[in-house]
C-alpha atoms as a PDB file:
ATOM      1  CA  MET A   1     -83.305 -83.822   5.109  1.00  0.00           C
ATOM      2  CA  GLN A   2     -85.993 -82.037   3.102  1.00  0.00           C
ATOM      3  CA  GLU A   3     -89.422 -83.678   3.437  1.00  0.00           C
ATOM      4  CA  MET A   4     -90.629 -85.268   0.178  1.00  0.00           C
ATOM      5  CA  SER A   5     -93.649 -83.738  -1.614  1.00  0.00           C
ATOM      6  CA  SER A   6     -97.124 -85.437  -1.196  1.00  0.00           C
ATOM      7  CA  GLU A   7     -98.304 -83.845  -4.584  1.00  0.00           C
ATOM      8  CA  PRO A   8     -99.846 -86.508  -6.666  1.00  0.00           C
ATOM      9  CA  ILE A   9     -97.728 -88.667  -8.750  1.00  0.00           C
ATOM     10  CA  PRO A  10     -97.689 -88.112 -12.593  1.00  0.00           C
ATOM     11  CA  GLY A  11     -98.961 -90.958 -14.666  1.00  0.00           C
ATOM     12  CA  ILE A  12    -100.795 -92.737 -11.872  1.00  0.00           C
ATOM     13  CA  ALA A  13    -104.573 -92.344 -11.698  1.00  0.00           C
ATOM     14  CA  GLN A  14    -106.429 -90.656  -8.924  1.00  0.00           C
ATOM     15  CA  ARG A  15    -109.740 -91.119  -7.427  1.00  0.00           C
ATOM     16  CA  ALA A  16    -112.220 -88.301  -6.712  1.00  0.00           C
ATOM     17  CA  ASP A  17    -113.941 -90.114  -3.688  1.00  0.00           C
ATOM     18  CA  VAL A  18    -110.935 -90.294  -1.253  1.00  0.00           C
ATOM     19  CA  ASP A  19    -112.176 -89.509   2.192  1.00  0.00           C
ATOM     20  CA  GLU A  20    -110.439 -87.804   5.159  1.00  0.00           C
ATOM     21  CA  TRP A  21    -109.162 -91.210   6.556  1.00  0.00           C
ATOM     22  CA  GLU A  22    -107.786 -92.259   3.199  1.00  0.00           C
ATOM     23  CA  GLN A  23    -106.022 -89.064   2.203  1.00  0.00           C
ATOM     24  CA  PRO A  24    -103.327 -89.079   4.843  1.00  0.00           C
ATOM     25  CA  ALA A  25    -102.460 -92.677   3.662  1.00  0.00           C
ATOM     26  CA  VAL A  26    -102.237 -91.463   0.092  1.00  0.00           C
ATOM     27  CA  ASP A  27     -99.950 -88.636   1.115  1.00  0.00           C
ATOM     28  CA  ARG A  28     -97.589 -91.001   2.919  1.00  0.00           C
ATOM     29  CA  TRP A  29     -97.527 -93.399  -0.153  1.00  0.00           C
ATOM     30  CA  ARG A  30     -96.554 -90.500  -2.288  1.00  0.00           C
ATOM     31  CA  GLN A  31     -93.627 -89.554  -0.147  1.00  0.00           C
ATOM     32  CA  TYR A  32     -92.498 -93.202  -0.057  1.00  0.00           C
ATOM     33  CA  TYR A  33     -92.740 -93.374  -3.936  1.00  0.00           C
ATOM     34  CA  ARG A  34     -90.643 -90.378  -4.409  1.00  0.00           C
ATOM     35  CA  ARG A  35     -88.049 -91.373  -1.789  1.00  0.00           C
ATOM     36  CA  THR A  36     -87.778 -94.775  -3.209  1.00  0.00           C
ATOM     37  CA  ASP A  37     -87.650 -93.638  -6.911  1.00  0.00           C
ATOM     38  CA  GLY A  38     -84.319 -91.946  -6.551  1.00  0.00           C
ATOM     39  CA  ALA A  39     -82.703 -94.129  -3.858  1.00  0.00           C
ATOM     40  CA  SER A  40     -79.616 -96.227  -4.413  1.00  0.00           C
ATOM     41  CA  ILE A  41     -77.953 -98.737  -1.989  1.00  0.00           C
ATOM     42  CA  TYR A  42     -74.224 -99.800  -2.224  1.00  0.00           C
ATOM     43  CA  LEU A  43     -73.613-103.266  -1.017  1.00  0.00           C
ATOM     44  CA  LEU A  44     -70.591-105.400  -0.527  1.00  0.00           C
ATOM     45  CA  ALA A  45     -70.771-109.270  -0.942  1.00  0.00           C
ATOM     46  CA  LEU A  46     -69.351-110.976   2.126  1.00  0.00           C
ATOM     47  CA  SER A  47     -68.448-114.023  -0.166  1.00  0.00           C
ATOM     48  CA  ASP A  48     -66.346-111.705  -2.458  1.00  0.00           C
ATOM     49  CA  LYS A  49     -64.857-108.664  -0.913  1.00  0.00           C
ATOM     50  CA  ASN A  50     -63.755-107.638  -4.358  1.00  0.00           C
ATOM     51  CA  LYS A  51     -67.195-106.825  -5.650  1.00  0.00           C
ATOM     52  CA  MET A  52     -69.717-104.123  -4.616  1.00  0.00           C
ATOM     53  CA  THR A  53     -73.165-103.869  -6.382  1.00  0.00           C
ATOM     54  CA  ARG A  54     -75.525-100.949  -6.565  1.00  0.00           C
ATOM     55  CA  VAL A  55     -79.200-101.753  -5.867  1.00  0.00           C
ATOM     56  CA  LYS A  56     -82.076 -99.592  -6.818  1.00  0.00           C
ATOM     57  CA  PRO A  57     -84.998-100.399  -4.536  1.00  0.00           C
ATOM     58  CA  ARG A  58     -87.486 -99.366  -7.240  1.00  0.00           C
ATOM     59  CA  ASP A  59     -86.264-102.455  -9.383  1.00  0.00           C
ATOM     60  CA  THR A  60     -87.619-104.660  -6.708  1.00  0.00           C
ATOM     61  CA  SER A  61     -90.708-102.750  -5.389  1.00  0.00           C
ATOM     62  CA  ARG A  62     -94.117-103.700  -6.187  1.00  0.00           C
ATOM     63  CA  TYR A  63     -95.107-100.101  -6.604  1.00  0.00           C
ATOM     64  CA  PHE A  64     -92.800 -99.709  -9.710  1.00  0.00           C
ATOM     65  CA  GLU A  65     -93.218-101.166 -13.067  1.00  0.00           C
ATOM     66  CA  ALA A  66     -89.640-102.939 -13.042  1.00  0.00           C
ATOM     67  CA  GLY A  67     -90.238-104.446  -9.709  1.00  0.00           C
ATOM     68  CA  ARG A  68     -93.646-105.738 -10.780  1.00  0.00           C
ATOM     69  CA  ARG A  69     -92.236-107.290 -13.909  1.00  0.00           C
ATOM     70  CA  ALA A  70     -89.622-109.207 -11.910  1.00  0.00           C
ATOM     71  CA  GLN A  71     -92.242-110.557  -9.427  1.00  0.00           C
ATOM     72  CA  GLN A  72     -94.472-111.488 -12.497  1.00  0.00           C
ATOM     73  CA  TYR A  73     -91.488-113.331 -14.273  1.00  0.00           C
ATOM     74  CA  ASN A  74     -90.696-115.262 -11.028  1.00  0.00           C
ATOM     75  CA  LEU A  75     -94.396-116.239 -10.511  1.00  0.00           C
ATOM     76  CA  THR A  76     -94.830-117.158 -14.199  1.00  0.00           C
ATOM     77  CA  LYS A  77     -91.728-119.584 -13.848  1.00  0.00           C
ATOM     78  CA  THR A  78     -93.482-121.259 -11.069  1.00  0.00           C
ATOM     79  CA  THR A  79     -96.772-121.745 -12.682  1.00  0.00           C
ATOM     80  CA  THR A  80     -95.576-123.073 -15.827  1.00  0.00           C
ATOM     81  CA  ARG A  81     -94.047-126.106 -14.152  1.00  0.00           C
ATOM     82  CA  ILE A  82     -97.746-127.171 -12.719  1.00  0.00           C
ATOM     83  CA  GLU A  83     -99.627-130.071 -14.158  1.00  0.00           C
ATOM     84  CA  GLY A  84    -103.079-131.360 -13.510  1.00  0.00           C
ATOM     85  CA  PRO A  85    -106.671-129.931 -12.992  1.00  0.00           C
ATOM     86  CA  ALA A  86    -107.333-126.512 -11.412  1.00  0.00           C
ATOM     87  CA  VAL A  87    -110.339-124.369 -10.179  1.00  0.00           C
ATOM     88  CA  PHE A  88    -110.282-120.597 -10.765  1.00  0.00           C
ATOM     89  CA  VAL A  89    -112.094-118.525  -8.099  1.00  0.00           C
ATOM     90  CA  SER A  90    -112.843-114.833  -7.825  1.00  0.00           C
ATOM     91  CA  LEU A  91    -113.928-113.017  -4.636  1.00  0.00           C
ATOM     92  CA  THR A  92    -115.645-109.615  -4.844  1.00  0.00           C
ATOM     93  CA  TYR A  93    -116.614-107.226  -2.009  1.00  0.00           C
ATOM     94  CA  ASP A  94    -120.145-105.852  -1.795  1.00  0.00           C
ATOM     95  CA  PRO A  95    -119.559-101.992  -0.876  1.00  0.00           C
ATOM     96  CA  LYS A  96    -122.908-102.407   1.184  1.00  0.00           C
ATOM     97  CA  ARG A  97    -121.502-104.915   3.559  1.00  0.00           C
ATOM     98  CA  LYS A  98    -118.143-103.352   4.630  1.00  0.00           C
ATOM     99  CA  THR A  99    -116.397-100.170   4.253  1.00  0.00           C
ATOM    100  CA  ARG A 100    -113.409 -99.775   1.840  1.00  0.00           C
ATOM    101  CA  GLN A 101    -110.890 -99.066   4.654  1.00  0.00           C
ATOM    102  CA  ASP A 102    -111.910-102.211   6.586  1.00  0.00           C
ATOM    103  CA  ALA A 103    -111.893-104.221   3.343  1.00  0.00           C
ATOM    104  CA  TRP A 104    -108.166-103.245   2.643  1.00  0.00           C
ATOM    105  CA  ARG A 105    -107.295-103.662   6.447  1.00  0.00           C
ATOM    106  CA  GLU A 106    -108.725-107.242   6.614  1.00  0.00           C
ATOM    107  CA  ILE A 107    -108.173-108.616   3.257  1.00  0.00           C
ATOM    108  CA  GLY A 108    -105.124-110.812   3.979  1.00  0.00           C
ATOM    109  CA  PRO A 109    -106.726-112.476   6.988  1.00  0.00           C
ATOM    110  CA  GLU A 110    -109.944-112.810   5.415  1.00  0.00           C
ATOM    111  CA  ILE A 111    -108.458-114.666   2.388  1.00  0.00           C
ATOM    112  CA  GLN A 112    -106.675-117.129   4.811  1.00  0.00           C
ATOM    113  CA  ARG A 113    -109.982-117.443   6.756  1.00  0.00           C
ATOM    114  CA  THR A 114    -111.755-118.430   3.664  1.00  0.00           C
ATOM    115  CA  LEU A 115    -109.101-120.840   2.444  1.00  0.00           C
ATOM    116  CA  ASP A 116    -109.025-122.572   5.790  1.00  0.00           C
ATOM    117  CA  ALA A 117    -112.906-122.678   5.729  1.00  0.00           C
ATOM    118  CA  VAL A 118    -112.778-124.284   2.324  1.00  0.00           C
ATOM    119  CA  PHE A 119    -110.335-126.988   3.076  1.00  0.00           C
ATOM    120  CA  ALA A 120    -112.281-127.712   6.389  1.00  0.00           C
ATOM    121  CA  TRP A 121    -115.374-128.211   4.678  1.00  0.00           C
ATOM    122  CA  ARG A 122    -113.808-130.533   2.064  1.00  0.00           C
ATOM    123  CA  GLY A 123    -111.992-132.498   4.750  1.00  0.00           C
ATOM    124  CA  ARG A 124    -115.272-133.410   6.320  1.00  0.00           C
ATOM    125  CA  ARG A 125    -116.498-134.894   3.002  1.00  0.00           C
ATOM    126  CA  MET A 126    -113.519-136.577   1.364  1.00  0.00           C
ATOM    127  CA  ALA A 127    -110.126-138.348   2.248  1.00  0.00           C
ATOM    128  CA  LYS A 128    -107.749-135.965   4.040  1.00  0.00           C
ATOM    129  CA  ARG A 129    -105.049-136.190   1.437  1.00  0.00           C
ATOM    130  CA  TYR A 130    -107.380-134.726  -1.143  1.00  0.00           C
ATOM    131  CA  ALA A 131    -108.967-132.007   0.982  1.00  0.00           C
ATOM    132  CA  ARG A 132    -106.218-129.571   0.747  1.00  0.00           C
ATOM    133  CA  THR A 133    -105.089-128.308  -2.645  1.00  0.00           C
ATOM    134  CA  ALA A 134    -102.115-126.087  -3.752  1.00  0.00           C
ATOM    135  CA  TYR A 135    -103.207-122.480  -4.355  1.00  0.00           C
ATOM    136  CA  LEU A 136    -102.033-119.062  -5.582  1.00  0.00           C
ATOM    137  CA  TRP A 137    -103.902-115.960  -4.977  1.00  0.00           C
ATOM    138  CA  ALA A 138    -103.474-112.331  -6.174  1.00  0.00           C
ATOM    139  CA  ILE A 139    -105.074-109.179  -5.453  1.00  0.00           C
ATOM    140  CA  GLU A 140    -106.216-106.226  -7.738  1.00  0.00           C
ATOM    141  CA  GLU A 141    -107.970-103.031  -7.100  1.00  0.00           C
ATOM    142  CA  GLN A 142    -111.524-103.427  -8.140  1.00  0.00           C
ATOM    143  CA  PRO A 143    -112.327-100.951 -10.898  1.00  0.00           C
ATOM    144  CA  GLY A 144    -115.085 -98.462  -9.944  1.00  0.00           C
ATOM    145  CA  THR A 145    -115.270 -99.146  -6.164  1.00  0.00           C
ATOM    146  CA  GLY A 146    -111.608 -99.050  -5.198  1.00  0.00           C
ATOM    147  CA  TYR A 147    -112.076-102.226  -3.039  1.00  0.00           C
ATOM    148  CA  PRO A 148    -109.564-105.093  -3.065  1.00  0.00           C
ATOM    149  CA  HIS A 149    -110.554-108.120  -5.542  1.00  0.00           C
ATOM    150  CA  VAL A 150    -109.112-111.508  -5.190  1.00  0.00           C
ATOM    151  CA  HIS A 151    -108.278-114.136  -7.595  1.00  0.00           C
ATOM    152  CA  ILE A 152    -107.420-117.607  -6.229  1.00  0.00           C
ATOM    153  CA  LEU A 153    -106.171-120.629  -8.303  1.00  0.00           C
ATOM    154  CA  PHE A 154    -106.764-124.082  -6.692  1.00  0.00           C
ATOM    155  CA  VAL A 155    -104.545-126.658  -8.335  1.00  0.00           C
ATOM    156  CA  GLY A 156    -105.099-130.429  -7.991  1.00  0.00           C
ATOM    157  CA  ALA A 157    -108.886-130.397  -7.983  1.00  0.00           C
ATOM    158  CA  LYS A 158    -111.467-130.848 -10.561  1.00  0.00           C
ATOM    159  CA  TRP A 159    -114.145-129.763  -8.116  1.00  0.00           C
ATOM    160  CA  LEU A 160    -113.875-127.430  -5.199  1.00  0.00           C
ATOM    161  CA  ILE A 161    -116.929-126.680  -3.209  1.00  0.00           C
ATOM    162  CA  PRO A 162    -120.554-125.643  -4.185  1.00  0.00           C
ATOM    163  CA  LYS A 163    -120.687-122.057  -5.277  1.00  0.00           C
ATOM    164  CA  GLN A 164    -123.468-121.227  -2.743  1.00  0.00           C
ATOM    165  CA  LYS A 165    -121.434-122.702   0.242  1.00  0.00           C
ATOM    166  CA  LEU A 166    -118.203-120.849  -0.984  1.00  0.00           C
ATOM    167  CA  GLU A 167    -120.283-117.433  -1.149  1.00  0.00           C
ATOM    168  CA  ALA A 168    -121.452-118.113   2.442  1.00  0.00           C
ATOM    169  CA  LEU A 169    -117.944-118.920   3.581  1.00  0.00           C
ATOM    170  CA  TRP A 170    -116.572-115.643   1.919  1.00  0.00           C
ATOM    171  CA  SER A 171    -119.603-113.643   3.339  1.00  0.00           C
ATOM    172  CA  HIS A 172    -118.509-110.278   1.952  1.00  0.00           C
ATOM    173  CA  GLY A 173    -120.155-110.225  -1.370  1.00  0.00           C
ATOM    174  CA  TRP A 174    -120.139-112.478  -4.519  1.00  0.00           C
ATOM    175  CA  VAL A 175    -117.905-115.228  -5.865  1.00  0.00           C
ATOM    176  CA  ASP A 176    -117.286-116.648  -9.220  1.00  0.00           C
ATOM    177  CA  VAL A 177    -116.017-120.229  -9.646  1.00  0.00           C
ATOM    178  CA  GLN A 178    -114.910-121.703 -13.038  1.00  0.00           C
ATOM    179  CA  ARG A 179    -112.933-124.906 -13.806  1.00  0.00           C
ATOM    180  CA  ALA A 180    -109.558-124.144 -15.464  1.00  0.00           C
ATOM    181  CA  SER A 181    -108.647-126.368 -18.487  1.00  0.00           C
ATOM    182  CA  SER A 182    -105.038-125.920 -17.975  1.00  0.00           C
ATOM    183  CA  ALA A 183    -103.288-125.103 -14.558  1.00  0.00           C
ATOM    184  CA  PRO A 184    -100.212-123.410 -16.203  1.00  0.00           C
ATOM    185  CA  HIS A 185    -102.449-121.174 -18.294  1.00  0.00           C
ATOM    186  CA  ALA A 186    -104.634-120.264 -15.263  1.00  0.00           C
ATOM    187  CA  GLY A 187    -101.669-119.630 -13.234  1.00  0.00           C
ATOM    188  CA  ARG A 188    -100.223-117.133 -15.922  1.00  0.00           C
ATOM    189  CA  TYR A 189    -103.620-115.551 -15.880  1.00  0.00           C
ATOM    190  CA  VAL A 190    -103.432-114.927 -12.108  1.00  0.00           C
ATOM    191  CA  ALA A 191     -99.790-113.637 -12.521  1.00  0.00           C
ATOM    192  CA  LYS A 192    -100.582-111.075 -15.115  1.00  0.00           C
ATOM    193  CA  TYR A 193    -102.652-109.226 -12.358  1.00  0.00           C
ATOM    194  CA  ILE A 194     -99.217-108.235 -10.875  1.00  0.00           C
ATOM    195  CA  GLY A 195     -98.005-106.622 -13.965  1.00  0.00           C
ATOM    196  CA  LYS A 196    -101.549-105.203 -14.397  1.00  0.00           C
ATOM    197  CA  MET A 197    -100.970-103.035 -11.427  1.00  0.00           C
ATOM    198  CA  ARG A 198    -100.216-100.177 -13.804  1.00  0.00           C
ATOM    199  CA  GLY A 199    -104.123 -99.746 -13.909  1.00  0.00           C
ATOM    200  CA  TRP A 200    -104.258 -99.209 -10.155  1.00  0.00           C
ATOM    201  CA  THR A 201    -105.143 -95.848  -8.671  1.00  0.00           C
ATOM    202  CA  GLU A 202    -102.999 -93.986  -6.040  1.00  0.00           C
ATOM    203  CA  LEU A 203    -105.562 -95.035  -3.563  1.00  0.00           C
ATOM    204  CA  GLY A 204    -105.091 -98.831  -4.248  1.00  0.00           C
ATOM    205  CA  TYR A 205    -101.458 -98.416  -3.897  1.00  0.00           C
ATOM    206  CA  ALA A 206    -101.843 -96.208  -0.730  1.00  0.00           C
ATOM    207  CA  MET A 207    -104.101 -98.930   0.900  1.00  0.00           C
ATOM    208  CA  LEU A 208    -101.803-101.787   0.107  1.00  0.00           C
ATOM    209  CA  TYR A 209     -98.897 -99.742   1.486  1.00  0.00           C
ATOM    210  CA  ALA A 210    -100.588 -98.470   4.542  1.00  0.00           C
ATOM    211  CA  CYS A 211    -102.039-101.884   5.557  1.00  0.00           C
ATOM    212  CA  ARG A 212     -98.766-103.610   4.832  1.00  0.00           C
ATOM    213  CA  GLY A 213    -100.765-105.830   2.606  1.00  0.00           C
ATOM    214  CA  ARG A 214     -99.432-108.750   0.284  1.00  0.00           C
ATOM    215  CA  MET A 215     -99.975-108.567  -3.399  1.00  0.00           C
ATOM    216  CA  TYR A 216     -99.976-112.375  -3.808  1.00  0.00           C
ATOM    217  CA  ALA A 217     -99.294-115.517  -1.923  1.00  0.00           C
ATOM    218  CA  ILE A 218     -98.412-119.100  -3.023  1.00  0.00           C
ATOM    219  CA  SER A 219     -98.811-122.205  -0.990  1.00  0.00           C
ATOM    220  CA  HIS A 220     -96.042-124.521  -0.089  1.00  0.00           C
ATOM    221  CA  HIS A 221     -97.372-127.166  -2.560  1.00  0.00           C
ATOM    222  CA  PHE A 222     -96.357-124.758  -5.425  1.00  0.00           C
ATOM    223  CA  ARG A 223     -92.795-124.489  -4.297  1.00  0.00           C
ATOM    224  CA  ASP A 224     -92.284-128.154  -5.205  1.00  0.00           C
ATOM    225  CA  TYR A 225     -92.249-127.039  -8.797  1.00  0.00           C
ATOM    226  CA  LEU A 226     -89.775-124.225  -8.498  1.00  0.00           C
ATOM    227  CA  HIS A 227     -86.354-124.281 -10.506  1.00  0.00           C
ATOM    228  CA  PRO A 228     -83.456-124.877  -8.098  1.00  0.00           C
ATOM    229  CA  VAL A 229     -82.796-121.665  -6.144  1.00  0.00           C
ATOM    230  CA  LYS A 230     -79.032-120.340  -6.209  1.00  0.00           C
ATOM    231  CA  PRO A 231     -77.483-119.881  -2.762  1.00  0.00           C
ATOM    232  CA  GLU A 232     -78.437-116.604  -1.182  1.00  0.00           C
ATOM    233  CA  VAL A 233     -75.593-114.007  -1.309  1.00  0.00           C
ATOM    234  CA  ARG A 234     -75.260-111.928   1.875  1.00  0.00           C
ATOM    235  CA  TRP A 235     -74.260-108.335   1.515  1.00  0.00           C
ATOM    236  CA  ARG A 236     -72.525-105.841   4.057  1.00  0.00           C
ATOM    237  CA  LEU A 237     -72.624-102.224   3.564  1.00  0.00           C
ATOM    238  CA  TYR A 238     -69.477-100.535   4.724  1.00  0.00           C
ATOM    239  CA  ALA A 239     -70.374 -96.906   5.453  1.00  0.00           C
ATOM    240  CA  MET A 240     -69.998 -93.996   7.768  1.00  0.00           C
ATOM    241  CA  PHE A 241     -72.997 -91.684   8.529  1.00  0.00           C
ATOM    242  CA  VAL A 242     -72.487 -87.962   9.116  1.00  0.00           C
ATOM    243  CA  PRO A 243     -75.417 -85.895  10.127  1.00  0.00           C
ATOM    244  CA  GLY A 244     -75.807 -83.003   7.511  1.00  0.00           C
ATOM    245  CA  ARG A 245     -73.676 -84.893   5.028  1.00  0.00           C
ATOM    246  CA  GLY A 246     -75.178 -88.004   4.356  1.00  0.00           C
ATOM    247  CA  LEU A 247     -73.972 -91.656   4.245  1.00  0.00           C
ATOM    248  CA  GLY A 248     -70.231 -92.212   3.151  1.00  0.00           C
ATOM    249  CA  LEU A 249     -69.862 -95.462   1.227  1.00  0.00           C
ATOM    250  CA  TRP A 250     -66.759 -97.235   0.331  1.00  0.00           C
ATOM    251  CA  LEU A 251     -65.231-100.631  -0.784  1.00  0.00           C
ATOM    252  CA  ALA A 252     -62.852-101.790   1.822  1.00  0.00           C
ATOM    253  CA  GLU A 253     -60.336-104.457   0.515  1.00  0.00           C
ATOM    254  CA  ARG A 254     -57.694-105.629   2.910  1.00  0.00           C
ATOM    255  CA  GLY A 255     -58.041-102.509   5.039  1.00  0.00           C
ATOM    256  CA  LYS A 256     -57.658-100.306   1.883  1.00  0.00           C
ATOM    257  CA  ARG A 257     -60.388 -97.750   1.167  1.00  0.00           C
ATOM    258  CA  ASP A 258     -60.224 -97.846  -2.765  1.00  0.00           C
ATOM    259  CA  LYS A 259     -63.653 -96.328  -3.648  1.00  0.00           C
ATOM    260  CA  PHE A 260     -65.537 -93.671  -1.702  1.00  0.00           C
ATOM    261  CA  ASP A 261     -68.702 -91.870  -2.387  1.00  0.00           C
ATOM    262  CA  TRP A 262     -71.418 -89.886  -0.533  1.00  0.00           C
ATOM    263  CA  LEU A 263     -75.004 -90.774  -0.758  1.00  0.00           C
ATOM    264  CA  PRO A 264     -77.321 -87.905   0.509  1.00  0.00           C
ATOM    265  CA  VAL A 265     -79.748 -89.887   2.678  1.00  0.00           C
ATOM    266  CA  SER A 266     -80.736 -89.807   6.142  1.00  0.00           C
ATOM    267  CA  ILE A 267     -80.218 -92.715   8.693  1.00  0.00           C
ATOM    268  CA  ASP A 268     -83.975 -93.141   8.589  1.00  0.00           C
ATOM    269  CA  ASP A 269     -84.020 -93.612   4.975  1.00  0.00           C
ATOM    270  CA  TRP A 270     -81.265 -96.148   5.227  1.00  0.00           C
ATOM    271  CA  ARG A 271     -83.347 -98.159   7.850  1.00  0.00           C
ATOM    272  CA  MET A 272     -86.270 -98.200   5.451  1.00  0.00           C
ATOM    273  CA  LEU A 273     -84.393 -99.260   2.345  1.00  0.00           C
ATOM    274  CA  ALA A 274     -81.837-101.642   3.860  1.00  0.00           C
ATOM    275  CA  GLY A 275     -82.413-105.143   2.771  1.00  0.00           C
ATOM    276  CA  PRO A 276     -81.896-108.519   4.559  1.00  0.00           C
ATOM    277  CA  GLY A 277     -78.519-109.090   5.925  1.00  0.00           C
ATOM    278  CA  CYS A 278     -77.541-105.513   5.561  1.00  0.00           C
ATOM    279  CA  SER A 279     -75.664-103.808   8.332  1.00  0.00           C
ATOM    280  CA  LEU A 280     -73.602-100.611   9.033  1.00  0.00           C
ATOM    281  CA  VAL A 281     -70.003-101.177   9.994  1.00  0.00           C
ATOM    282  CA  ASP A 282     -67.587 -98.946  11.877  1.00  0.00           C
ATOM    283  CA  LEU A 283     -64.331 -99.368   9.809  1.00  0.00           C
ATOM    284  CA  ARG A 284     -62.138 -98.054  12.732  1.00  0.00           C
ATOM    285  CA  SER A 285     -63.124-101.015  14.896  1.00  0.00           C
ATOM    286  CA  GLY A 286     -64.762-103.413  12.344  1.00  0.00           C
ATOM    287  CA  GLU A 287     -67.724-103.791  14.618  1.00  0.00           C
ATOM    288  CA  THR A 288     -71.307-103.745  13.272  1.00  0.00           C
ATOM    289  CA  VAL A 289     -73.119-100.614  14.728  1.00  0.00           C
ATOM    290  CA  ASP A 290     -76.575-101.238  13.557  1.00  0.00           C
ATOM    291  CA  GLU A 291     -78.514-103.971  11.732  1.00  0.00           C
ATOM    292  CA  PHE A 292     -81.832-103.813  10.075  1.00  0.00           C
ATOM    293  CA  GLY A 293     -84.426-106.078   8.546  1.00  0.00           C
ATOM    294  CA  ALA A 294     -86.149-106.085   5.228  1.00  0.00           C
ATOM    295  CA  ALA A 295     -87.574-103.027   3.761  1.00  0.00           C
ATOM    296  CA  ALA A 296     -91.293-102.381   4.353  1.00  0.00           C
END
């Protein structure tokens, strides 16, 4: 298959200070973006062999507007169910203390380390049941520096920790602490940063992709407020891969091949785009010939 172009993506801002370590990551992200933008996957529901659905990975990917809107909508549904006090915290990197590459590589573990340190400090000064709070955090690209910038909403606390102590626990720069008058309102404020990714540069996208970073995380306490979740539907893709031709897809009903189509993708593309529970099946034997996990 022809290699995807690594030319800049139209409509997405670029930075002029990308260094020699960051540029290959940007090029790989551009190739992933173009590969995902035009991809489709055909899936057959195991629970209903009469139905096949077409899935476009861009509709669920955080690097595309449709995917971000879906994630923001789901997160907003969660936060609107929360009641009680909340504290809103922002964590900012000081470029003089850490390189941009290291900041992106370590941002996930550093957020968790800071959360654990905050709860440990509270646990030494108050009853255990009040020490830990529910929380939600989201990352955005810091305008100007290109560093990750973190917003955290702590729910269930009127007071969190002294600002000077929090800054010492974070240890990478500056912090801002504000008491939120409404947890649902503050939650929606954090959720908007997911939809706001349209303002990111290619470097921010590339660093998130290269480091396999999370865009946001939500604590288990929040999940108590979720609407009932529909049972997960498992899908199976009935297909035949032919080198040089692509992936042959069809709907098999009681041994009949009613619908057939060729999807010009390589087996590596299928490995990257396959979702949870998907597998390739040899229709001659009915056996699963390969099985993959979730897309990166």
